[in-house]
């Protein structure tokens, strides 16, 4: 068998056609583009898509909406365990509901960005959301792109492809500013991107790749180039197979 034939045999596309599992786990800091890039990768590979960050945001929204003190760790954990969360798993449609209420737009508001670390750093709430995330991966027959902050090491350490998508601080701040349409000041962007990362990194390391985890630095790449780079890493990981 030639090298070309071997590569084709083990490519992600071939894996999908054979109905085999293909979990692509993507970690990364705020503003790295992991959500939009992961959606595009899922669409190109025909996979489901799970935005785990939206789950933390949904809990934060529920707490703020229900006047639950985010500093009350037990109350936040209880909220994570008891609320009903629904979300689309298609990369083409974005819809999130909390207890039947459409919160798709609400969870992206700056006040939620400022509050979500209180949920993300709550170990009890985090354990519950990880449980839910693993259940969703299983429900979709392990054919899914999952993005967040502890996906490669905690949620799906056995994923067929694991990578960290990163970028320079300058690039991440610029991208988040463009995403928000210039509505935030430089100070607000630093708070939403760098300060939030600093808080969340107290419970999970999403800046450095663990053993077997690839790194894609998109600082000097445009969107399509980043998507291509991630898919190339997926191919490489699938071709390499599971670690010995």
C-alpha atoms as a PDB file:
ATOM      1  CA  UNK A   1       0.000   0.000   0.000  1.00  0.00           C
ATOM      2  CA  UNK A   2       1.364   3.421  -0.917  1.00  0.00           C
ATOM      3  CA  UNK A   3       1.662   6.263   1.589  1.00  0.00           C
ATOM      4  CA  UNK A   4      -1.114   8.094  -0.251  1.00  0.00           C
ATOM      5  CA  UNK A   5      -3.442   5.111   0.039  1.00  0.00           C
ATOM      6  CA  UNK A   6      -2.645   4.733   3.726  1.00  0.00           C
ATOM      7  CA  UNK A   7      -3.415   8.405   4.351  1.00  0.00           C
ATOM      8  CA  UNK A   8      -6.729   8.142   2.506  1.00  0.00           C
ATOM      9  CA  UNK A   9      -7.682   5.010   4.404  1.00  0.00           C
ATOM     10  CA  UNK A  10      -7.265   6.677   7.768  1.00  0.00           C
ATOM     11  CA  UNK A  11      -8.466  10.186   6.915  1.00  0.00           C
ATOM     12  CA  UNK A  12     -11.264  11.718   9.013  1.00  0.00           C
ATOM     13  CA  UNK A  13     -13.574  11.618   5.993  1.00  0.00           C
ATOM     14  CA  UNK A  14     -13.010   7.868   5.591  1.00  0.00           C
ATOM     15  CA  UNK A  15     -13.497   7.343   9.303  1.00  0.00           C
ATOM     16  CA  UNK A  16     -16.858   9.088   9.056  1.00  0.00           C
ATOM     17  CA  UNK A  17     -17.955   7.052   6.048  1.00  0.00           C
ATOM     18  CA  UNK A  18     -17.180   3.906   8.006  1.00  0.00           C
ATOM     19  CA  UNK A  19     -19.352   5.168  10.864  1.00  0.00           C
ATOM     20  CA  UNK A  20     -16.503   5.151  13.345  1.00  0.00           C
ATOM     21  CA  UNK A  21     -16.249   7.592  16.267  1.00  0.00           C
ATOM     22  CA  UNK A  22     -14.553  10.915  15.624  1.00  0.00           C
ATOM     23  CA  UNK A  23     -14.490  13.247  18.608  1.00  0.00           C
ATOM     24  CA  UNK A  24     -12.551  16.447  17.953  1.00  0.00           C
ATOM     25  CA  UNK A  25     -11.727  18.134  21.271  1.00  0.00           C
ATOM     26  CA  UNK A  26     -10.796  21.820  21.054  1.00  0.00           C
ATOM     27  CA  UNK A  27      -9.523  23.928  23.960  1.00  0.00           C
ATOM     28  CA  UNK A  28      -8.326  27.506  23.928  1.00  0.00           C
ATOM     29  CA  UNK A  29      -8.379  30.944  25.559  1.00  0.00           C
ATOM     30  CA  UNK A  30     -10.967  33.667  25.008  1.00  0.00           C
ATOM     31  CA  UNK A  31     -10.841  35.309  21.601  1.00  0.00           C
ATOM     32  CA  UNK A  32      -8.862  32.498  19.992  1.00  0.00           C
ATOM     33  CA  UNK A  33     -11.702  31.833  17.561  1.00  0.00           C
ATOM     34  CA  UNK A  34     -12.355  28.331  18.862  1.00  0.00           C
ATOM     35  CA  UNK A  35     -16.159  28.582  18.645  1.00  0.00           C
ATOM     36  CA  UNK A  36     -16.411  29.841  15.070  1.00  0.00           C
ATOM     37  CA  UNK A  37     -13.549  27.657  13.858  1.00  0.00           C
ATOM     38  CA  UNK A  38     -14.955  24.571  15.595  1.00  0.00           C
ATOM     39  CA  UNK A  39     -18.346  25.166  13.982  1.00  0.00           C
ATOM     40  CA  UNK A  40     -16.733  25.365  10.546  1.00  0.00           C
ATOM     41  CA  UNK A  41     -14.711  22.204  11.186  1.00  0.00           C
ATOM     42  CA  UNK A  42     -17.853  20.351  12.311  1.00  0.00           C
ATOM     43  CA  UNK A  43     -19.693  21.479   9.209  1.00  0.00           C
ATOM     44  CA  UNK A  44     -16.909  20.404   6.839  1.00  0.00           C
ATOM     45  CA  UNK A  45     -16.516  17.009   8.509  1.00  0.00           C
ATOM     46  CA  UNK A  46     -20.239  16.379   8.905  1.00  0.00           C
ATOM     47  CA  UNK A  47     -20.106  16.246  12.703  1.00  0.00           C
ATOM     48  CA  UNK A  48     -22.308  17.529  15.502  1.00  0.00           C
ATOM     49  CA  UNK A  49     -21.090  20.565  17.443  1.00  0.00           C
ATOM     50  CA  UNK A  50     -21.090  21.209  21.187  1.00  0.00           C
ATOM     51  CA  UNK A  51     -20.384  24.681  22.591  1.00  0.00           C
ATOM     52  CA  UNK A  52     -19.595  23.899  26.229  1.00  0.00           C
ATOM     53  CA  UNK A  53     -19.011  27.543  27.095  1.00  0.00           C
ATOM     54  CA  UNK A  54     -22.669  28.247  26.358  1.00  0.00           C
ATOM     55  CA  UNK A  55     -23.586  25.809  29.131  1.00  0.00           C
ATOM     56  CA  UNK A  56     -21.597  27.804  31.691  1.00  0.00           C
ATOM     57  CA  UNK A  57     -23.125  30.998  30.341  1.00  0.00           C
ATOM     58  CA  UNK A  58     -26.596  29.491  30.617  1.00  0.00           C
ATOM     59  CA  UNK A  59     -26.067  28.716  34.291  1.00  0.00           C
ATOM     60  CA  UNK A  60     -24.723  32.241  34.851  1.00  0.00           C
ATOM     61  CA  UNK A  61     -27.788  33.703  33.105  1.00  0.00           C
ATOM     62  CA  UNK A  62     -30.107  31.568  35.235  1.00  0.00           C
ATOM     63  CA  UNK A  63     -28.383  32.716  38.423  1.00  0.00           C
ATOM     64  CA  UNK A  64     -28.518  36.388  37.493  1.00  0.00           C
ATOM     65  CA  UNK A  65     -32.102  36.124  36.255  1.00  0.00           C
ATOM     66  CA  UNK A  66     -33.167  34.297  39.418  1.00  0.00           C
ATOM     67  CA  UNK A  67     -31.123  36.568  41.711  1.00  0.00           C
ATOM     68  CA  UNK A  68     -28.979  33.677  42.899  1.00  0.00           C
ATOM     69  CA  UNK A  69     -25.815  34.987  44.508  1.00  0.00           C
ATOM     70  CA  UNK A  70     -22.921  33.876  42.309  1.00  0.00           C
ATOM     71  CA  UNK A  71     -20.661  33.952  45.358  1.00  0.00           C
ATOM     72  CA  UNK A  72     -22.838  31.291  47.014  1.00  0.00           C
ATOM     73  CA  UNK A  73     -21.025  28.189  45.754  1.00  0.00           C
ATOM     74  CA  UNK A  74     -23.667  25.749  46.980  1.00  0.00           C
ATOM     75  CA  UNK A  75     -26.472  27.683  45.304  1.00  0.00           C
ATOM     76  CA  UNK A  76     -24.618  27.908  42.003  1.00  0.00           C
ATOM     77  CA  UNK A  77     -23.865  24.185  42.093  1.00  0.00           C
ATOM     78  CA  UNK A  78     -27.529  23.448  42.831  1.00  0.00           C
ATOM     79  CA  UNK A  79     -28.549  25.615  39.879  1.00  0.00           C
ATOM     80  CA  UNK A  80     -26.221  23.674  37.558  1.00  0.00           C
ATOM     81  CA  UNK A  81     -27.725  20.397  38.753  1.00  0.00           C
ATOM     82  CA  UNK A  82     -31.389  21.351  38.545  1.00  0.00           C
ATOM     83  CA  UNK A  83     -31.941  23.616  35.541  1.00  0.00           C
ATOM     84  CA  UNK A  84     -33.072  22.273  32.202  1.00  0.00           C
ATOM     85  CA  UNK A  85     -30.739  23.231  29.355  1.00  0.00           C
ATOM     86  CA  UNK A  86     -31.428  22.628  25.697  1.00  0.00           C
ATOM     87  CA  UNK A  87     -29.109  23.481  22.833  1.00  0.00           C
ATOM     88  CA  UNK A  88     -28.859  22.701  19.173  1.00  0.00           C
ATOM     89  CA  UNK A  89     -26.044  20.371  18.248  1.00  0.00           C
ATOM     90  CA  UNK A  90     -25.820  21.499  14.632  1.00  0.00           C
ATOM     91  CA  UNK A  91     -23.027  23.819  13.486  1.00  0.00           C
ATOM     92  CA  UNK A  92     -25.584  25.565  11.255  1.00  0.00           C
ATOM     93  CA  UNK A  93     -28.072  26.637  13.934  1.00  0.00           C
ATOM     94  CA  UNK A  94     -27.517  28.313  17.301  1.00  0.00           C
ATOM     95  CA  UNK A  95     -30.307  27.983  19.854  1.00  0.00           C
ATOM     96  CA  UNK A  96     -30.081  27.735  23.643  1.00  0.00           C
ATOM     97  CA  UNK A  97     -32.931  27.415  26.126  1.00  0.00           C
ATOM     98  CA  UNK A  98     -32.891  27.472  29.920  1.00  0.00           C
ATOM     99  CA  UNK A  99     -36.012  26.063  31.547  1.00  0.00           C
ATOM    100  CA  UNK A 100     -37.792  26.572  28.233  1.00  0.00           C
ATOM    101  CA  UNK A 101     -36.698  30.217  27.827  1.00  0.00           C
ATOM    102  CA  UNK A 102     -34.766  31.181  24.699  1.00  0.00           C
ATOM    103  CA  UNK A 103     -31.476  32.654  25.942  1.00  0.00           C
ATOM    104  CA  UNK A 104     -29.525  32.464  22.685  1.00  0.00           C
ATOM    105  CA  UNK A 105     -28.803  36.183  22.573  1.00  0.00           C
ATOM    106  CA  UNK A 106     -28.961  36.854  26.306  1.00  0.00           C
ATOM    107  CA  UNK A 107     -26.043  34.572  27.209  1.00  0.00           C
ATOM    108  CA  UNK A 108     -23.742  36.541  24.889  1.00  0.00           C
ATOM    109  CA  UNK A 109     -24.330  39.852  26.660  1.00  0.00           C
ATOM    110  CA  UNK A 110     -21.340  41.532  28.367  1.00  0.00           C
ATOM    111  CA  UNK A 111     -22.901  41.110  31.824  1.00  0.00           C
ATOM    112  CA  UNK A 112     -22.885  37.330  31.332  1.00  0.00           C
ATOM    113  CA  UNK A 113     -19.278  37.434  30.107  1.00  0.00           C
ATOM    114  CA  UNK A 114     -18.398  39.269  33.313  1.00  0.00           C
ATOM    115  CA  UNK A 115     -20.240  36.766  35.514  1.00  0.00           C
ATOM    116  CA  UNK A 116     -19.521  33.411  33.881  1.00  0.00           C
ATOM    117  CA  UNK A 117     -16.197  32.794  35.641  1.00  0.00           C
ATOM    118  CA  UNK A 118     -18.110  32.420  38.912  1.00  0.00           C
ATOM    119  CA  UNK A 119     -19.720  29.335  37.390  1.00  0.00           C
ATOM    120  CA  UNK A 120     -16.617  28.115  35.570  1.00  0.00           C
ATOM    121  CA  UNK A 121     -14.539  28.169  38.762  1.00  0.00           C
ATOM    122  CA  UNK A 122     -17.225  26.473  40.861  1.00  0.00           C
ATOM    123  CA  UNK A 123     -15.924  22.897  41.053  1.00  0.00           C
ATOM    124  CA  UNK A 124     -19.313  21.382  41.864  1.00  0.00           C
ATOM    125  CA  UNK A 125     -21.049  23.157  39.002  1.00  0.00           C
ATOM    126  CA  UNK A 126     -18.165  22.270  36.708  1.00  0.00           C
ATOM    127  CA  UNK A 127     -18.417  18.575  37.583  1.00  0.00           C
ATOM    128  CA  UNK A 128     -22.136  18.591  36.786  1.00  0.00           C
ATOM    129  CA  UNK A 129     -21.653  20.321  33.449  1.00  0.00           C
ATOM    130  CA  UNK A 130     -18.833  17.938  32.524  1.00  0.00           C
ATOM    131  CA  UNK A 131     -21.237  15.061  33.243  1.00  0.00           C
ATOM    132  CA  UNK A 132     -23.822  16.625  30.934  1.00  0.00           C
ATOM    133  CA  UNK A 133     -21.231  17.247  28.244  1.00  0.00           C
ATOM    134  CA  UNK A 134     -20.059  13.635  28.271  1.00  0.00           C
ATOM    135  CA  UNK A 135     -23.666  12.489  28.016  1.00  0.00           C
ATOM    136  CA  UNK A 136     -24.199  14.678  24.942  1.00  0.00           C
ATOM    137  CA  UNK A 137     -21.056  13.279  23.318  1.00  0.00           C
ATOM    138  CA  UNK A 138     -22.363   9.760  23.879  1.00  0.00           C
ATOM    139  CA  UNK A 139     -25.839  10.670  22.592  1.00  0.00           C
ATOM    140  CA  UNK A 140     -24.267  11.752  19.314  1.00  0.00           C
ATOM    141  CA  UNK A 141     -22.388   8.454  18.960  1.00  0.00           C
ATOM    142  CA  UNK A 142     -19.026  10.138  19.592  1.00  0.00           C
ATOM    143  CA  UNK A 143     -19.158  11.915  16.230  1.00  0.00           C
ATOM    144  CA  UNK A 144     -18.826  15.501  17.320  1.00  0.00           C
ATOM    145  CA  UNK A 145     -16.622  18.585  17.657  1.00  0.00           C
ATOM    146  CA  UNK A 146     -16.523  19.769  21.279  1.00  0.00           C
ATOM    147  CA  UNK A 147     -14.978  23.101  22.213  1.00  0.00           C
ATOM    148  CA  UNK A 148     -14.265  24.747  25.532  1.00  0.00           C
ATOM    149  CA  UNK A 149     -11.523  24.993  28.155  1.00  0.00           C
ATOM    150  CA  UNK A 150     -11.009  21.521  29.621  1.00  0.00           C
ATOM    151  CA  UNK A 151     -12.150  19.342  26.755  1.00  0.00           C
ATOM    152  CA  UNK A 152      -8.809  17.765  25.848  1.00  0.00           C
ATOM    153  CA  UNK A 153      -7.934  16.780  29.412  1.00  0.00           C
ATOM    154  CA  UNK A 154     -11.181  16.324  31.369  1.00  0.00           C
ATOM    155  CA  UNK A 155     -14.290  16.098  29.189  1.00  0.00           C
ATOM    156  CA  UNK A 156     -12.890  14.010  26.333  1.00  0.00           C
ATOM    157  CA  UNK A 157      -9.296  12.940  27.060  1.00  0.00           C
ATOM    158  CA  UNK A 158      -9.914   9.896  24.854  1.00  0.00           C
ATOM    159  CA  UNK A 159     -10.970  11.963  21.826  1.00  0.00           C
ATOM    160  CA  UNK A 160      -9.629  10.848  18.458  1.00  0.00           C
ATOM    161  CA  UNK A 161      -8.215  14.358  17.907  1.00  0.00           C
ATOM    162  CA  UNK A 162      -7.275  16.827  20.650  1.00  0.00           C
ATOM    163  CA  UNK A 163      -5.928  20.313  20.098  1.00  0.00           C
ATOM    164  CA  UNK A 164      -5.483  23.736  21.636  1.00  0.00           C
ATOM    165  CA  UNK A 165      -6.371  26.671  19.404  1.00  0.00           C
ATOM    166  CA  UNK A 166      -4.476  29.727  20.537  1.00  0.00           C
ATOM    167  CA  UNK A 167      -3.411  33.184  19.356  1.00  0.00           C
ATOM    168  CA  UNK A 168      -1.438  36.149  20.656  1.00  0.00           C
ATOM    169  CA  UNK A 169      -3.074  38.483  23.189  1.00  0.00           C
ATOM    170  CA  UNK A 170      -3.115  41.250  20.581  1.00  0.00           C
ATOM    171  CA  UNK A 171      -4.897  39.055  18.047  1.00  0.00           C
ATOM    172  CA  UNK A 172      -7.412  37.797  20.591  1.00  0.00           C
ATOM    173  CA  UNK A 173      -8.297  41.281  21.819  1.00  0.00           C
ATOM    174  CA  UNK A 174      -8.659  42.526  18.246  1.00  0.00           C
ATOM    175  CA  UNK A 175     -10.914  39.635  17.258  1.00  0.00           C
ATOM    176  CA  UNK A 176     -13.149  39.950  20.288  1.00  0.00           C
ATOM    177  CA  UNK A 177     -13.469  43.676  19.644  1.00  0.00           C
ATOM    178  CA  UNK A 178     -14.564  43.011  16.072  1.00  0.00           C
ATOM    179  CA  UNK A 179     -16.957  40.303  17.248  1.00  0.00           C
ATOM    180  CA  UNK A 180     -18.621  42.798  19.598  1.00  0.00           C
ATOM    181  CA  UNK A 181     -18.851  45.439  16.879  1.00  0.00           C
ATOM    182  CA  UNK A 182     -16.696  47.995  18.650  1.00  0.00           C
ATOM    183  CA  UNK A 183     -19.183  48.341  21.512  1.00  0.00           C
ATOM    184  CA  UNK A 184     -16.611  47.672  24.221  1.00  0.00           C
ATOM    185  CA  UNK A 185     -13.751  49.864  25.394  1.00  0.00           C
ATOM    186  CA  UNK A 186     -10.168  48.630  25.497  1.00  0.00           C
ATOM    187  CA  UNK A 187     -10.485  48.205  29.268  1.00  0.00           C
ATOM    188  CA  UNK A 188     -13.696  46.187  28.904  1.00  0.00           C
ATOM    189  CA  UNK A 189     -12.084  43.940  26.311  1.00  0.00           C
ATOM    190  CA  UNK A 190      -9.132  43.252  28.582  1.00  0.00           C
ATOM    191  CA  UNK A 191     -11.561  42.351  31.382  1.00  0.00           C
ATOM    192  CA  UNK A 192     -13.612  40.047  29.143  1.00  0.00           C
ATOM    193  CA  UNK A 193     -10.664  38.319  27.503  1.00  0.00           C
ATOM    194  CA  UNK A 194      -7.501  38.403  29.602  1.00  0.00           C
ATOM    195  CA  UNK A 195      -8.957  38.827  33.086  1.00  0.00           C
ATOM    196  CA  UNK A 196     -11.521  36.093  32.496  1.00  0.00           C
ATOM    197  CA  UNK A 197      -8.799  33.741  31.277  1.00  0.00           C
ATOM    198  CA  UNK A 198      -6.775  34.452  34.401  1.00  0.00           C
ATOM    199  CA  UNK A 199      -9.755  33.582  36.621  1.00  0.00           C
ATOM    200  CA  UNK A 200     -10.674  30.414  34.741  1.00  0.00           C
ATOM    201  CA  UNK A 201      -7.078  29.206  34.610  1.00  0.00           C
ATOM    202  CA  UNK A 202      -7.176  28.761  38.392  1.00  0.00           C
ATOM    203  CA  UNK A 203      -9.184  25.558  37.851  1.00  0.00           C
ATOM    204  CA  UNK A 204      -8.134  24.393  34.378  1.00  0.00           C
ATOM    205  CA  UNK A 205      -5.045  24.890  32.207  1.00  0.00           C
ATOM    206  CA  UNK A 206      -6.182  25.694  28.673  1.00  0.00           C
ATOM    207  CA  UNK A 207      -3.027  27.511  27.572  1.00  0.00           C
ATOM    208  CA  UNK A 208      -0.584  24.601  27.408  1.00  0.00           C
ATOM    209  CA  UNK A 209      -1.054  21.377  25.503  1.00  0.00           C
ATOM    210  CA  UNK A 210      -1.013  18.155  27.516  1.00  0.00           C
ATOM    211  CA  UNK A 211       0.733  15.069  26.165  1.00  0.00           C
ATOM    212  CA  UNK A 212      -0.806  14.022  22.864  1.00  0.00           C
ATOM    213  CA  UNK A 213      -2.543  17.368  22.348  1.00  0.00           C
ATOM    214  CA  UNK A 214      -1.687  19.374  19.227  1.00  0.00           C
ATOM    215  CA  UNK A 215      -1.393  23.174  19.128  1.00  0.00           C
ATOM    216  CA  UNK A 216      -2.674  25.460  16.379  1.00  0.00           C
ATOM    217  CA  UNK A 217      -1.545  29.098  16.645  1.00  0.00           C
ATOM    218  CA  UNK A 218      -3.830  31.271  14.545  1.00  0.00           C
ATOM    219  CA  UNK A 219      -2.145  34.613  15.297  1.00  0.00           C
ATOM    220  CA  UNK A 220      -1.049  35.062  11.679  1.00  0.00           C
ATOM    221  CA  UNK A 221      -3.803  33.042  10.005  1.00  0.00           C
ATOM    222  CA  UNK A 222      -7.120  34.199   8.610  1.00  0.00           C
ATOM    223  CA  UNK A 223     -10.321  32.294   9.355  1.00  0.00           C
ATOM    224  CA  UNK A 224     -10.204  29.834   6.444  1.00  0.00           C
ATOM    225  CA  UNK A 225      -6.510  29.175   6.985  1.00  0.00           C
ATOM    226  CA  UNK A 226      -7.232  28.392  10.636  1.00  0.00           C
ATOM    227  CA  UNK A 227     -10.018  25.972   9.711  1.00  0.00           C
ATOM    228  CA  UNK A 228      -7.690  24.256   7.233  1.00  0.00           C
ATOM    229  CA  UNK A 229      -4.960  24.033   9.891  1.00  0.00           C
ATOM    230  CA  UNK A 230      -7.331  22.422  12.392  1.00  0.00           C
ATOM    231  CA  UNK A 231      -8.573  19.882   9.856  1.00  0.00           C
ATOM    232  CA  UNK A 232      -4.971  19.068   8.989  1.00  0.00           C
ATOM    233  CA  UNK A 233      -4.348  18.369  12.683  1.00  0.00           C
ATOM    234  CA  UNK A 234      -7.439  16.140  12.803  1.00  0.00           C
ATOM    235  CA  UNK A 235      -6.094  14.160   9.853  1.00  0.00           C
ATOM    236  CA  UNK A 236      -2.704  13.891  11.517  1.00  0.00           C
ATOM    237  CA  UNK A 237      -4.206  12.718  14.809  1.00  0.00           C
ATOM    238  CA  UNK A 238      -6.449  10.129  13.155  1.00  0.00           C
ATOM    239  CA  UNK A 239      -3.579   8.849  11.037  1.00  0.00           C
ATOM    240  CA  UNK A 240      -1.395   8.563  14.140  1.00  0.00           C
ATOM    241  CA  UNK A 241      -4.066   6.565  15.924  1.00  0.00           C
ATOM    242  CA  UNK A 242      -4.369   6.153  19.713  1.00  0.00           C
ATOM    243  CA  UNK A 243      -1.286   6.691  21.831  1.00  0.00           C
ATOM    244  CA  UNK A 244       0.574   3.520  22.748  1.00  0.00           C
END
